[in-house]
PDB file of N, CA and C in Angstrom:
ATOM      1  N   MET A   1     211.499 -59.652   3.535  1.00  0.00           N
ATOM      2  CA  MET A   1     210.471 -59.771   2.534  1.00  0.00           C
ATOM      3  C   MET A   1     209.311 -60.624   3.057  1.00  0.00           C
ATOM      4  N   MET A   2     209.624 -61.736   3.698  1.00  0.00           N
ATOM      5  CA  MET A   2     208.590 -62.629   4.233  1.00  0.00           C
ATOM      6  C   MET A   2     207.807 -61.939   5.349  1.00  0.00           C
ATOM      7  N   ARG A   3     208.477 -61.093   6.125  1.00  0.00           N
ATOM      8  CA  ARG A   3     207.796 -60.386   7.208  1.00  0.00           C
ATOM      9  C   ARG A   3     206.782 -59.391   6.634  1.00  0.00           C
ATOM     10  N   LYS A   4     207.158 -58.719   5.555  1.00  0.00           N
ATOM     11  CA  LYS A   4     206.234 -57.769   4.922  1.00  0.00           C
ATOM     12  C   LYS A   4     205.021 -58.509   4.365  1.00  0.00           C
ATOM     13  N   LEU A   5     205.264 -59.647   3.729  1.00  0.00           N
ATOM     14  CA  LEU A   5     204.171 -60.438   3.173  1.00  0.00           C
ATOM     15  C   LEU A   5     203.246 -60.934   4.288  1.00  0.00           C
ATOM     16  N   ALA A   6     203.815 -61.410   5.373  1.00  0.00           N
ATOM     17  CA  ALA A   6     203.023 -61.887   6.505  1.00  0.00           C
ATOM     18  C   ALA A   6     202.218 -60.735   7.103  1.00  0.00           C
ATOM     19  N   ALA A   7     202.846 -59.556   7.224  1.00  0.00           N
ATOM     20  CA  ALA A   7     202.156 -58.391   7.773  1.00  0.00           C
ATOM     21  C   ALA A   7     200.990 -57.973   6.880  1.00  0.00           C
ATOM     22  N   VAL A   8     201.195 -57.986   5.563  1.00  0.00           N
ATOM     23  CA  VAL A   8     200.135 -57.630   4.624  1.00  0.00           C
ATOM     24  C   VAL A   8     198.989 -58.643   4.719  1.00  0.00           C
ATOM     25  N   CYS A   9     199.315 -59.915   4.813  1.00  0.00           N
ATOM     26  CA  CYS A   9     198.289 -60.953   4.932  1.00  0.00           C
ATOM     27  C   CYS A   9     197.484 -60.790   6.218  1.00  0.00           C
ATOM     28  N   LEU A  10     198.168 -60.541   7.326  1.00  0.00           N
ATOM     29  CA  LEU A  10     197.477 -60.348   8.601  1.00  0.00           C
ATOM     30  C   LEU A  10     196.585 -59.100   8.558  1.00  0.00           C
ATOM     31  N   LEU A  11     197.094 -58.040   7.987  1.00  0.00           N
ATOM     32  CA  LEU A  11     196.324 -56.801   7.874  1.00  0.00           C
ATOM     33  C   LEU A  11     195.077 -57.021   7.013  1.00  0.00           C
ATOM     34  N   THR A  12     195.237 -57.746   5.914  1.00  0.00           N
ATOM     35  CA  THR A  12     194.104 -58.042   5.027  1.00  0.00           C
ATOM     36  C   THR A  12     193.058 -58.868   5.763  1.00  0.00           C
ATOM     37  N   LEU A  13     193.486 -59.886   6.492  1.00  0.00           N
ATOM     38  CA  LEU A  13     192.549 -60.702   7.261  1.00  0.00           C
ATOM     39  C   LEU A  13     191.826 -59.873   8.315  1.00  0.00           C
ATOM     40  N   PHE A  14     192.548 -58.989   8.974  1.00  0.00           N
ATOM     41  CA  PHE A  14     191.942 -58.133   9.993  1.00  0.00           C
ATOM     42  C   PHE A  14     190.879 -57.222   9.379  1.00  0.00           C
ATOM     43  N   VAL A  15     191.197 -56.609   8.259  1.00  0.00           N
ATOM     44  CA  VAL A  15     190.252 -55.712   7.587  1.00  0.00           C
ATOM     45  C   VAL A  15     189.022 -56.483   7.116  1.00  0.00           C
ATOM     46  N   LEU A  16     189.231 -57.657   6.539  1.00  0.00           N
ATOM     47  CA  LEU A  16     188.101 -58.463   6.083  1.00  0.00           C
ATOM     48  C   LEU A  16     187.221 -58.889   7.249  1.00  0.00           C
ATOM     49  N   GLN A  17     187.832 -59.287   8.348  1.00  0.00           N
ATOM     50  CA  GLN A  17     187.077 -59.703   9.524  1.00  0.00           C
ATOM     51  C   GLN A  17     186.288 -58.534  10.092  1.00  0.00           C
ATOM     52  N   ALA A  18     186.885 -57.365  10.174  1.00  0.00           N
ATOM     53  CA  ALA A  18     186.209 -56.184  10.714  1.00  0.00           C
ATOM     54  C   ALA A  18     185.037 -55.782   9.825  1.00  0.00           C
ATOM     55  N   GLY A  19     185.185 -55.917   8.534  1.00  0.00           N
ATOM     56  CA  GLY A  19     184.111 -55.555   7.611  1.00  0.00           C
ATOM     57  C   GLY A  19     182.966 -56.541   7.602  1.00  0.00           C
ATOM     58  N   CYS A  20     183.171 -57.726   8.094  1.00  0.00           N
ATOM     59  CA  CYS A  20     182.136 -58.764   8.065  1.00  0.00           C
ATOM     60  C   CYS A  20     181.448 -58.945   9.413  1.00  0.00           C
ATOM     61  N   THR A  21     181.699 -58.083  10.373  1.00  0.00           N
ATOM     62  CA  THR A  21     181.096 -58.265  11.687  1.00  0.00           C
ATOM     63  C   THR A  21     179.677 -57.719  11.767  1.00  0.00           C
ATOM     64  N   LYS A  22     179.266 -56.921  10.808  1.00  0.00           N
ATOM     65  CA  LYS A  22     177.918 -56.359  10.826  1.00  0.00           C
ATOM     66  C   LYS A  22     176.926 -57.418  10.356  1.00  0.00           C
ATOM     67  N   PRO A  23     175.892 -57.724  11.151  1.00  0.00           N
ATOM     68  CA  PRO A  23     174.908 -58.733  10.740  1.00  0.00           C
ATOM     69  C   PRO A  23     174.166 -58.299   9.480  1.00  0.00           C
ATOM     70  N   ALA A  24     173.791 -59.254   8.675  1.00  0.00           N
ATOM     71  CA  ALA A  24     173.094 -58.967   7.418  1.00  0.00           C
ATOM     72  C   ALA A  24     171.752 -58.288   7.661  1.00  0.00           C
ATOM     73  N   ALA A  25     171.123 -58.514   8.811  1.00  0.00           N
ATOM     74  CA  ALA A  25     169.826 -57.904   9.100  1.00  0.00           C
ATOM     75  C   ALA A  25     169.920 -56.389   9.197  1.00  0.00           C
ATOM     76  N   ASP A  26     171.115 -55.853   9.502  1.00  0.00           N
ATOM     77  CA  ASP A  26     171.283 -54.415   9.610  1.00  0.00           C
ATOM     78  C   ASP A  26     171.393 -53.732   8.255  1.00  0.00           C
ATOM     79  N   VAL A  27     171.628 -54.482   7.212  1.00  0.00           N
ATOM     80  CA  VAL A  27     171.778 -53.924   5.877  1.00  0.00           C
ATOM     81  C   VAL A  27     170.397 -53.760   5.276  1.00  0.00           C
ATOM     82  N   LYS A  28     170.074 -52.530   4.845  1.00  0.00           N
ATOM     83  CA  LYS A  28     168.742 -52.260   4.319  1.00  0.00           C
ATOM     84  C   LYS A  28     168.831 -51.814   2.872  1.00  0.00           C
ATOM     85  N   PRO A  29     167.956 -52.329   1.976  1.00  0.00           N
ATOM     86  CA  PRO A  29     167.928 -51.860   0.605  1.00  0.00           C
ATOM     87  C   PRO A  29     167.386 -50.440   0.536  1.00  0.00           C
ATOM     88  N   ALA A  30     167.520 -49.813  -0.613  1.00  0.00           N
ATOM     89  CA  ALA A  30     167.029 -48.460  -0.807  1.00  0.00           C
ATOM     90  C   ALA A  30     165.538 -48.394  -0.507  1.00  0.00           C
ATOM     91  N   ALA A  31     165.113 -47.325   0.161  1.00  0.00           N
ATOM     92  CA  ALA A  31     163.727 -47.192   0.601  1.00  0.00           C
ATOM     93  C   ALA A  31     162.735 -47.152  -0.553  1.00  0.00           C
ATOM     94  N   ASP A  32     163.142 -46.666  -1.715  1.00  0.00           N
ATOM     95  CA  ASP A  32     162.182 -46.539  -2.812  1.00  0.00           C
ATOM     96  C   ASP A  32     161.862 -47.865  -3.488  1.00  0.00           C
ATOM     97  N   THR A  33     162.494 -48.950  -3.056  1.00  0.00           N
ATOM     98  CA  THR A  33     162.212 -50.242  -3.673  1.00  0.00           C
ATOM     99  C   THR A  33     161.480 -51.184  -2.725  1.00  0.00           C
ATOM    100  N   LYS A  34     161.208 -50.730  -1.519  1.00  0.00           N
ATOM    101  CA  LYS A  34     160.601 -51.619  -0.549  1.00  0.00           C
ATOM    102  C   LYS A  34     159.091 -51.470  -0.524  1.00  0.00           C
ATOM    103  N   VAL A  35     158.459 -52.475   0.018  1.00  0.00           N
ATOM    104  CA  VAL A  35     157.018 -52.501   0.199  1.00  0.00           C
ATOM    105  C   VAL A  35     156.767 -52.656   1.687  1.00  0.00           C
ATOM    106  N   SER A  36     155.829 -51.907   2.231  1.00  0.00           N
ATOM    107  CA  SER A  36     155.504 -52.048   3.643  1.00  0.00           C
ATOM    108  C   SER A  36     155.028 -53.458   3.918  1.00  0.00           C
ATOM    109  N   LYS A  37     155.458 -53.998   5.022  1.00  0.00           N
ATOM    110  CA  LYS A  37     155.015 -55.314   5.449  1.00  0.00           C
ATOM    111  C   LYS A  37     154.707 -55.232   6.933  1.00  0.00           C
ATOM    112  N   GLU A  38     154.051 -56.222   7.423  1.00  0.00           N
ATOM    113  CA  GLU A  38     153.741 -56.253   8.837  1.00  0.00           C
ATOM    114  C   GLU A  38     155.005 -56.561   9.637  1.00  0.00           C
ATOM    115  N   SER A  39     155.161 -55.881  10.749  1.00  0.00           N
ATOM    116  CA  SER A  39     156.274 -56.175  11.644  1.00  0.00           C
ATOM    117  C   SER A  39     155.876 -57.368  12.502  1.00  0.00           C
ATOM    118  N   PRO A  40     156.832 -57.991  13.207  1.00  0.00           N
ATOM    119  CA  PRO A  40     156.487 -59.132  14.048  1.00  0.00           C
ATOM    120  C   PRO A  40     155.417 -58.794  15.077  1.00  0.00           C
ATOM    121  N   ALA A  41     155.371 -57.532  15.516  1.00  0.00           N
ATOM    122  CA  ALA A  41     154.374 -57.138  16.509  1.00  0.00           C
ATOM    123  C   ALA A  41     153.004 -56.908  15.883  1.00  0.00           C
ATOM    124  N   GLY A  42     152.899 -57.000  14.550  1.00  0.00           N
ATOM    125  CA  GLY A  42     151.627 -56.833  13.876  1.00  0.00           C
ATOM    126  C   GLY A  42     151.326 -55.405  13.469  1.00  0.00           C
ATOM    127  N   GLU A  43     152.287 -54.496  13.651  1.00  0.00           N
ATOM    128  CA  GLU A  43     152.077 -53.112  13.269  1.00  0.00           C
ATOM    129  C   GLU A  43     152.660 -52.882  11.883  1.00  0.00           C
ATOM    130  N   ALA A  44     151.963 -52.092  11.076  1.00  0.00           N
ATOM    131  CA  ALA A  44     152.452 -51.800   9.730  1.00  0.00           C
ATOM    132  C   ALA A  44     153.689 -50.929   9.808  1.00  0.00           C
ATOM    133  N   LYS A  45     154.673 -51.217   8.980  1.00  0.00           N
ATOM    134  CA  LYS A  45     155.862 -50.378   8.878  1.00  0.00           C
ATOM    135  C   LYS A  45     155.529 -49.233   7.944  1.00  0.00           C
ATOM    136  N   HIS A  46     155.957 -48.050   8.274  1.00  0.00           N
ATOM    137  CA  HIS A  46     155.704 -46.889   7.433  1.00  0.00           C
ATOM    138  C   HIS A  46     157.023 -46.313   6.968  1.00  0.00           C
ATOM    139  N   GLY A  47     156.963 -45.484   5.943  1.00  0.00           N
ATOM    140  CA  GLY A  47     158.171 -44.882   5.411  1.00  0.00           C
ATOM    141  C   GLY A  47     158.726 -45.652   4.228  1.00  0.00           C
ATOM    142  N   GLU A  48     158.023 -46.671   3.802  1.00  0.00           N
ATOM    143  CA  GLU A  48     158.426 -47.426   2.629  1.00  0.00           C
ATOM    144  C   GLU A  48     157.533 -47.008   1.473  1.00  0.00           C
ATOM    145  N   TRP A  49     157.793 -47.459   0.257  1.00  0.00           N
ATOM    146  CA  TRP A  49     157.093 -46.926  -0.901  1.00  0.00           C
ATOM    147  C   TRP A  49     155.620 -47.294  -0.951  1.00  0.00           C
ATOM    148  N   TRP A  50     155.240 -48.488  -0.593  1.00  0.00           N
ATOM    149  CA  TRP A  50     153.865 -48.950  -0.751  1.00  0.00           C
ATOM    150  C   TRP A  50     153.233 -49.254   0.601  1.00  0.00           C
ATOM    151  N   CYS A  51     152.023 -48.787   0.813  1.00  0.00           N
ATOM    152  CA  CYS A  51     151.280 -49.100   2.032  1.00  0.00           C
ATOM    153  C   CYS A  51     150.416 -50.331   1.752  1.00  0.00           C
ATOM    154  N   VAL A  52     150.828 -51.473   2.258  1.00  0.00           N
ATOM    155  CA  VAL A  52     150.099 -52.720   2.038  1.00  0.00           C
ATOM    156  C   VAL A  52     148.724 -52.651   2.689  1.00  0.00           C
ATOM    157  N   GLU A  53     148.648 -52.006   3.807  1.00  0.00           N
ATOM    158  CA  GLU A  53     147.390 -51.933   4.546  1.00  0.00           C
ATOM    159  C   GLU A  53     146.284 -51.251   3.739  1.00  0.00           C
ATOM    160  N   HIS A  54     146.646 -50.178   3.001  1.00  0.00           N
ATOM    161  CA  HIS A  54     145.621 -49.390   2.311  1.00  0.00           C
ATOM    162  C   HIS A  54     145.718 -49.408   0.792  1.00  0.00           C
ATOM    163  N   GLY A  55     146.748 -50.019   0.219  1.00  0.00           N
ATOM    164  CA  GLY A  55     146.829 -50.204  -1.228  1.00  0.00           C
ATOM    165  C   GLY A  55     147.149 -48.972  -2.042  1.00  0.00           C
ATOM    166  N   VAL A  56     147.918 -48.050  -1.450  1.00  0.00           N
ATOM    167  CA  VAL A  56     148.342 -46.832  -2.152  1.00  0.00           C
ATOM    168  C   VAL A  56     149.806 -46.569  -1.810  1.00  0.00           C
ATOM    169  N   PRO A  57     150.482 -45.718  -2.581  1.00  0.00           N
ATOM    170  CA  PRO A  57     151.850 -45.360  -2.185  1.00  0.00           C
ATOM    171  C   PRO A  57     151.847 -44.727  -0.788  1.00  0.00           C
ATOM    172  N   GLU A  58     152.800 -45.083   0.021  1.00  0.00           N
ATOM    173  CA  GLU A  58     152.852 -44.619   1.411  1.00  0.00           C
ATOM    174  C   GLU A  58     152.836 -43.095   1.518  1.00  0.00           C
ATOM    175  N   GLY A  59     153.537 -42.415   0.632  1.00  0.00           N
ATOM    176  CA  GLY A  59     153.592 -40.955   0.677  1.00  0.00           C
ATOM    177  C   GLY A  59     152.266 -40.290   0.364  1.00  0.00           C
ATOM    178  N   GLU A  60     151.312 -41.048  -0.166  1.00  0.00           N
ATOM    179  CA  GLU A  60     149.981 -40.532  -0.498  1.00  0.00           C
ATOM    180  C   GLU A  60     148.901 -41.118   0.400  1.00  0.00           C
ATOM    181  N   CYS A  61     149.289 -41.889   1.389  1.00  0.00           N
ATOM    182  CA  CYS A  61     148.316 -42.596   2.219  1.00  0.00           C
ATOM    183  C   CYS A  61     147.771 -41.680   3.323  1.00  0.00           C
ATOM    184  N   ALA A  62     146.563 -41.190   3.099  1.00  0.00           N
ATOM    185  CA  ALA A  62     145.925 -40.292   4.055  1.00  0.00           C
ATOM    186  C   ALA A  62     145.436 -41.030   5.296  1.00  0.00           C
ATOM    187  N   LEU A  63     145.318 -42.338   5.222  1.00  0.00           N
ATOM    188  CA  LEU A  63     144.889 -43.110   6.384  1.00  0.00           C
ATOM    189  C   LEU A  63     146.049 -43.366   7.344  1.00  0.00           C
ATOM    190  N   CYS A  64     147.270 -43.200   6.858  1.00  0.00           N
ATOM    191  CA  CYS A  64     148.453 -43.394   7.704  1.00  0.00           C
ATOM    192  C   CYS A  64     149.060 -42.069   8.157  1.00  0.00           C
ATOM    193  N   SER A  65     148.795 -41.002   7.430  1.00  0.00           N
ATOM    194  CA  SER A  65     149.424 -39.716   7.720  1.00  0.00           C
ATOM    195  C   SER A  65     148.379 -38.616   7.884  1.00  0.00           C
ATOM    196  N   ALA A  66     148.332 -38.023   9.066  1.00  0.00           N
ATOM    197  CA  ALA A  66     147.401 -36.925   9.322  1.00  0.00           C
ATOM    198  C   ALA A  66     147.720 -35.721   8.439  1.00  0.00           C
ATOM    199  N   LYS A  67     148.995 -35.489   8.156  1.00  0.00           N
ATOM    200  CA  LYS A  67     149.388 -34.364   7.303  1.00  0.00           C
ATOM    201  C   LYS A  67     148.867 -34.569   5.881  1.00  0.00           C
ATOM    202  N   VAL A  68     149.023 -35.776   5.353  1.00  0.00           N
ATOM    203  CA  VAL A  68     148.522 -36.083   4.011  1.00  0.00           C
ATOM    204  C   VAL A  68     147.002 -35.959   3.996  1.00  0.00           C
ATOM    205  N   ALA A  69     146.338 -36.443   5.041  1.00  0.00           N
ATOM    206  CA  ALA A  69     144.879 -36.339   5.130  1.00  0.00           C
ATOM    207  C   ALA A  69     144.453 -34.876   5.124  1.00  0.00           C
ATOM    208  N   ALA A  70     145.144 -34.041   5.882  1.00  0.00           N
ATOM    209  CA  ALA A  70     144.815 -32.609   5.929  1.00  0.00           C
ATOM    210  C   ALA A  70     144.958 -31.967   4.555  1.00  0.00           C
ATOM    211  N   ASP A  71     145.985 -32.375   3.814  1.00  0.00           N
ATOM    212  CA  ASP A  71     146.174 -31.838   2.463  1.00  0.00           C
ATOM    213  C   ASP A  71     145.015 -32.220   1.547  1.00  0.00           C
ATOM    214  N   PHE A  72     144.574 -33.477   1.626  1.00  0.00           N
ATOM    215  CA  PHE A  72     143.439 -33.915   0.809  1.00  0.00           C
ATOM    216  C   PHE A  72     142.172 -33.158   1.194  1.00  0.00           C
ATOM    217  N   LYS A  73     141.951 -32.989   2.498  1.00  0.00           N
ATOM    218  CA  LYS A  73     140.763 -32.276   2.969  1.00  0.00           C
ATOM    219  C   LYS A  73     140.780 -30.817   2.506  1.00  0.00           C
ATOM    220  N   LYS A  74     141.954 -30.214   2.560  1.00  0.00           N
ATOM    221  CA  LYS A  74     142.108 -28.818   2.142  1.00  0.00           C
ATOM    222  C   LYS A  74     141.742 -28.643   0.660  1.00  0.00           C
ATOM    223  N   LYS A  75     142.063 -29.658  -0.150  1.00  0.00           N
ATOM    224  CA  LYS A  75     141.752 -29.626  -1.583  1.00  0.00           C
ATOM    225  C   LYS A  75     140.293 -29.982  -1.852  1.00  0.00           C
ATOM    226  N   GLY A  76     139.546 -30.397  -0.833  1.00  0.00           N
ATOM    227  CA  GLY A  76     138.155 -30.813  -1.028  1.00  0.00           C
ATOM    228  C   GLY A  76     138.021 -32.240  -1.530  1.00  0.00           C
ATOM    229  N   ASP A  77     139.100 -33.004  -1.445  1.00  0.00           N
ATOM    230  CA  ASP A  77     139.109 -34.397  -1.901  1.00  0.00           C
ATOM    231  C   ASP A  77     138.936 -35.288  -0.671  1.00  0.00           C
ATOM    232  N   TRP A  78     137.679 -35.429  -0.215  1.00  0.00           N
ATOM    233  CA  TRP A  78     137.458 -36.214   0.984  1.00  0.00           C
ATOM    234  C   TRP A  78     136.092 -36.886   0.953  1.00  0.00           C
ATOM    235  N   CYS A  79     136.065 -38.178   1.219  1.00  0.00           N
ATOM    236  CA  CYS A  79     134.826 -38.942   1.318  1.00  0.00           C
ATOM    237  C   CYS A  79     134.426 -38.949   2.802  1.00  0.00           C
ATOM    238  N   LYS A  80     133.428 -38.159   3.136  1.00  0.00           N
ATOM    239  CA  LYS A  80     133.008 -38.058   4.539  1.00  0.00           C
ATOM    240  C   LYS A  80     132.399 -39.369   5.040  1.00  0.00           C
ATOM    241  N   GLN A  81     131.752 -40.097   4.154  1.00  0.00           N
ATOM    242  CA  GLN A  81     131.108 -41.347   4.542  1.00  0.00           C
ATOM    243  C   GLN A  81     132.127 -42.399   4.988  1.00  0.00           C
ATOM    244  N   HIS A  82     133.296 -42.452   4.314  1.00  0.00           N
ATOM    245  CA  HIS A  82     134.291 -43.484   4.616  1.00  0.00           C
ATOM    246  C   HIS A  82     135.572 -42.931   5.219  1.00  0.00           C
ATOM    247  N   ASP A  83     135.602 -41.619   5.466  1.00  0.00           N
ATOM    248  CA  ASP A  83     136.710 -40.950   6.150  1.00  0.00           C
ATOM    249  C   ASP A  83     138.073 -41.230   5.515  1.00  0.00           C
ATOM    250  N   ARG A  84     138.137 -40.913   4.226  1.00  0.00           N
ATOM    251  CA  ARG A  84     139.364 -41.080   3.445  1.00  0.00           C
ATOM    252  C   ARG A  84     139.250 -40.199   2.208  1.00  0.00           C
ATOM    253  N   PRO A  85     140.358 -39.960   1.484  1.00  0.00           N
ATOM    254  CA  PRO A  85     140.238 -39.158   0.263  1.00  0.00           C
ATOM    255  C   PRO A  85     139.278 -39.821  -0.727  1.00  0.00           C
ATOM    256  N   GLU A  86     138.469 -39.011  -1.372  1.00  0.00           N
ATOM    257  CA  GLU A  86     137.563 -39.529  -2.408  1.00  0.00           C
ATOM    258  C   GLU A  86     138.367 -40.213  -3.505  1.00  0.00           C
ATOM    259  N   SER A  87     139.544 -39.655  -3.800  1.00  0.00           N
ATOM    260  CA  SER A  87     140.387 -40.221  -4.858  1.00  0.00           C
ATOM    261  C   SER A  87     141.063 -41.529  -4.448  1.00  0.00           C
ATOM    262  N   GLN A  88     140.878 -41.932  -3.172  1.00  0.00           N
ATOM    263  CA  GLN A  88     141.408 -43.203  -2.688  1.00  0.00           C
ATOM    264  C   GLN A  88     140.318 -44.060  -2.051  1.00  0.00           C
ATOM    265  N   CYS A  89     139.077 -43.678  -2.249  1.00  0.00           N
ATOM    266  CA  CYS A  89     137.971 -44.426  -1.641  1.00  0.00           C
ATOM    267  C   CYS A  89     137.599 -45.594  -2.541  1.00  0.00           C
ATOM    268  N   PHE A  90     138.175 -46.745  -2.234  1.00  0.00           N
ATOM    269  CA  PHE A  90     137.910 -47.947  -3.016  1.00  0.00           C
ATOM    270  C   PHE A  90     136.507 -48.492  -2.741  1.00  0.00           C
ATOM    271  N   ILE A  91     135.866 -47.996  -1.694  1.00  0.00           N
ATOM    272  CA  ILE A  91     134.511 -48.439  -1.369  1.00  0.00           C
ATOM    273  C   ILE A  91     133.519 -47.781  -2.339  1.00  0.00           C
ATOM    274  N   CYS A  92     133.632 -46.460  -2.494  1.00  0.00           N
ATOM    275  CA  CYS A  92     132.756 -45.729  -3.423  1.00  0.00           C
ATOM    276  C   CYS A  92     133.173 -45.924  -4.878  1.00  0.00           C
ATOM    277  N   HIS A  93     134.483 -46.052  -5.089  1.00  0.00           N
ATOM    278  CA  HIS A  93     135.032 -46.131  -6.448  1.00  0.00           C
ATOM    279  C   HIS A  93     135.987 -47.327  -6.562  1.00  0.00           C
ATOM    280  N   PRO A  94     135.456 -48.553  -6.667  1.00  0.00           N
ATOM    281  CA  PRO A  94     136.312 -49.742  -6.724  1.00  0.00           C
ATOM    282  C   PRO A  94     137.324 -49.705  -7.869  1.00  0.00           C
ATOM    283  N   GLU A  95     137.014 -48.971  -8.945  1.00  0.00           N
ATOM    284  CA  GLU A  95     137.938 -48.890 -10.086  1.00  0.00           C
ATOM    285  C   GLU A  95     139.247 -48.188  -9.723  1.00  0.00           C
ATOM    286  N   LEU A  96     139.247 -47.383  -8.659  1.00  0.00           N
ATOM    287  CA  LEU A  96     140.473 -46.685  -8.248  1.00  0.00           C
ATOM    288  C   LEU A  96     141.544 -47.653  -7.753  1.00  0.00           C
ATOM    289  N   GLU A  97     141.124 -48.759  -7.197  1.00  0.00           N
ATOM    290  CA  GLU A  97     142.091 -49.742  -6.700  1.00  0.00           C
ATOM    291  C   GLU A  97     142.983 -50.227  -7.842  1.00  0.00           C
ATOM    292  N   GLN A  98     142.397 -50.436  -9.015  1.00  0.00           N
ATOM    293  CA  GLN A  98     143.165 -50.882 -10.176  1.00  0.00           C
ATOM    294  C   GLN A  98     144.141 -49.801 -10.640  1.00  0.00           C
ATOM    295  N   LYS A  99     143.725 -48.537 -10.524  1.00  0.00           N
ATOM    296  CA  LYS A  99     144.592 -47.419 -10.903  1.00  0.00           C
ATOM    297  C   LYS A  99     145.869 -47.421 -10.051  1.00  0.00           C
ATOM    298  N   PHE A 100     145.714 -47.608  -8.743  1.00  0.00           N
ATOM    299  CA  PHE A 100     146.882 -47.639  -7.862  1.00  0.00           C
ATOM    300  C   PHE A 100     147.695 -48.916  -8.075  1.00  0.00           C
ATOM    301  N   ALA A 101     147.017 -50.029  -8.316  1.00  0.00           N
ATOM    302  CA  ALA A 101     147.713 -51.286  -8.583  1.00  0.00           C
ATOM    303  C   ALA A 101     148.580 -51.157  -9.837  1.00  0.00           C
ATOM    304  N   ALA A 102     148.091 -50.432 -10.849  1.00  0.00           N
ATOM    305  CA  ALA A 102     148.860 -50.240 -12.082  1.00  0.00           C
ATOM    306  C   ALA A 102     150.130 -49.450 -11.808  1.00  0.00           C
ATOM    307  N   ARG A 103     150.071 -48.496 -10.898  1.00  0.00           N
ATOM    308  CA  ARG A 103     151.285 -47.742 -10.530  1.00  0.00           C
ATOM    309  C   ARG A 103     152.305 -48.655  -9.858  1.00  0.00           C
ATOM    310  N   TYR A 104     151.811 -49.538  -8.994  1.00  0.00           N
ATOM    311  CA  TYR A 104     152.699 -50.500  -8.330  1.00  0.00           C
ATOM    312  C   TYR A 104     153.349 -51.410  -9.364  1.00  0.00           C
ATOM    313  N   GLU A 105     152.531 -51.936 -10.273  1.00  0.00           N
ATOM    314  CA  GLU A 105     153.036 -52.846 -11.312  1.00  0.00           C
ATOM    315  C   GLU A 105     154.060 -52.163 -12.199  1.00  0.00           C
ATOM    316  N   ALA A 106     153.846 -50.884 -12.520  1.00  0.00           N
ATOM    317  CA  ALA A 106     154.803 -50.150 -13.346  1.00  0.00           C
ATOM    318  C   ALA A 106     156.139 -50.008 -12.636  1.00  0.00           C
ATOM    319  N   LYS A 107     156.109 -49.856 -11.333  1.00  0.00           N
ATOM    320  CA  LYS A 107     157.346 -49.668 -10.563  1.00  0.00           C
ATOM    321  C   LYS A 107     158.071 -50.981 -10.281  1.00  0.00           C
ATOM    322  N   PHE A 108     157.312 -52.020  -9.907  1.00  0.00           N
ATOM    323  CA  PHE A 108     157.928 -53.266  -9.455  1.00  0.00           C
ATOM    324  C   PHE A 108     157.813 -54.423 -10.443  1.00  0.00           C
ATOM    325  N   GLY A 109     156.981 -54.293 -11.470  1.00  0.00           N
ATOM    326  CA  GLY A 109     156.845 -55.359 -12.462  1.00  0.00           C
ATOM    327  C   GLY A 109     156.035 -56.550 -11.984  1.00  0.00           C
ATOM    328  N   SER A 110     155.277 -56.375 -10.915  1.00  0.00           N
ATOM    329  CA  SER A 110     154.409 -57.447 -10.418  1.00  0.00           C
ATOM    330  C   SER A 110     153.184 -56.825  -9.775  1.00  0.00           C
ATOM    331  N   LYS A 111     152.192 -57.653  -9.510  1.00  0.00           N
ATOM    332  CA  LYS A 111     150.973 -57.160  -8.866  1.00  0.00           C
ATOM    333  C   LYS A 111     151.278 -56.791  -7.417  1.00  0.00           C
ATOM    334  N   PRO A 112     150.567 -55.802  -6.880  1.00  0.00           N
ATOM    335  CA  PRO A 112     150.809 -55.429  -5.471  1.00  0.00           C
ATOM    336  C   PRO A 112     150.328 -56.536  -4.532  1.00  0.00           C
ATOM    337  N   PRO A 113     150.880 -56.569  -3.323  1.00  0.00           N
ATOM    338  CA  PRO A 113     150.393 -57.536  -2.347  1.00  0.00           C
ATOM    339  C   PRO A 113     148.946 -57.213  -1.986  1.00  0.00           C
ATOM    340  N   PRO A 114     148.185 -58.185  -1.545  1.00  0.00           N
ATOM    341  CA  PRO A 114     146.787 -57.909  -1.180  1.00  0.00           C
ATOM    342  C   PRO A 114     146.729 -56.927  -0.014  1.00  0.00           C
ATOM    343  N   ARG A 115     145.723 -56.075  -0.059  1.00  0.00           N
ATOM    344  CA  ARG A 115     145.547 -55.087   1.014  1.00  0.00           C
ATOM    345  C   ARG A 115     145.161 -55.791   2.307  1.00  0.00           C
ATOM    346  N   ASP A 116     145.608 -55.219   3.422  1.00  0.00           N
ATOM    347  CA  ASP A 116     145.273 -55.764   4.732  1.00  0.00           C
ATOM    348  C   ASP A 116     143.925 -55.253   5.225  1.00  0.00           C
ATOM    349  N   GLU A 117     143.461 -54.163   4.631  1.00  0.00           N
ATOM    350  CA  GLU A 117     142.246 -53.516   5.088  1.00  0.00           C
ATOM    351  C   GLU A 117     141.014 -54.300   4.719  1.00  0.00           C
TER     352      GLU A 117
END
């Protein structure tokens, strides 16, 4: 009986130790809850929900994605003067920045981080 108990205890310790060997840095939260931030090398991370550099959702950021830019251009939504979608041109239409900020606030419950641009 004592041998079985000792074996179970050793097995439990082994399993717990094996499960705890992965560093916490390797664990990533769900992508839809993250915000792009600068990497240590100073390059923007992409593939996260919010593009900090340009102040729009990453999946809609025509300044980060040539495919997204092509889609906007195809629809005729393009500011030639500032080389970005007219619907995202905060230079021509400063009120649009608040529209995108409201989407961020609705999702995360706080104001978006300041744009890097």
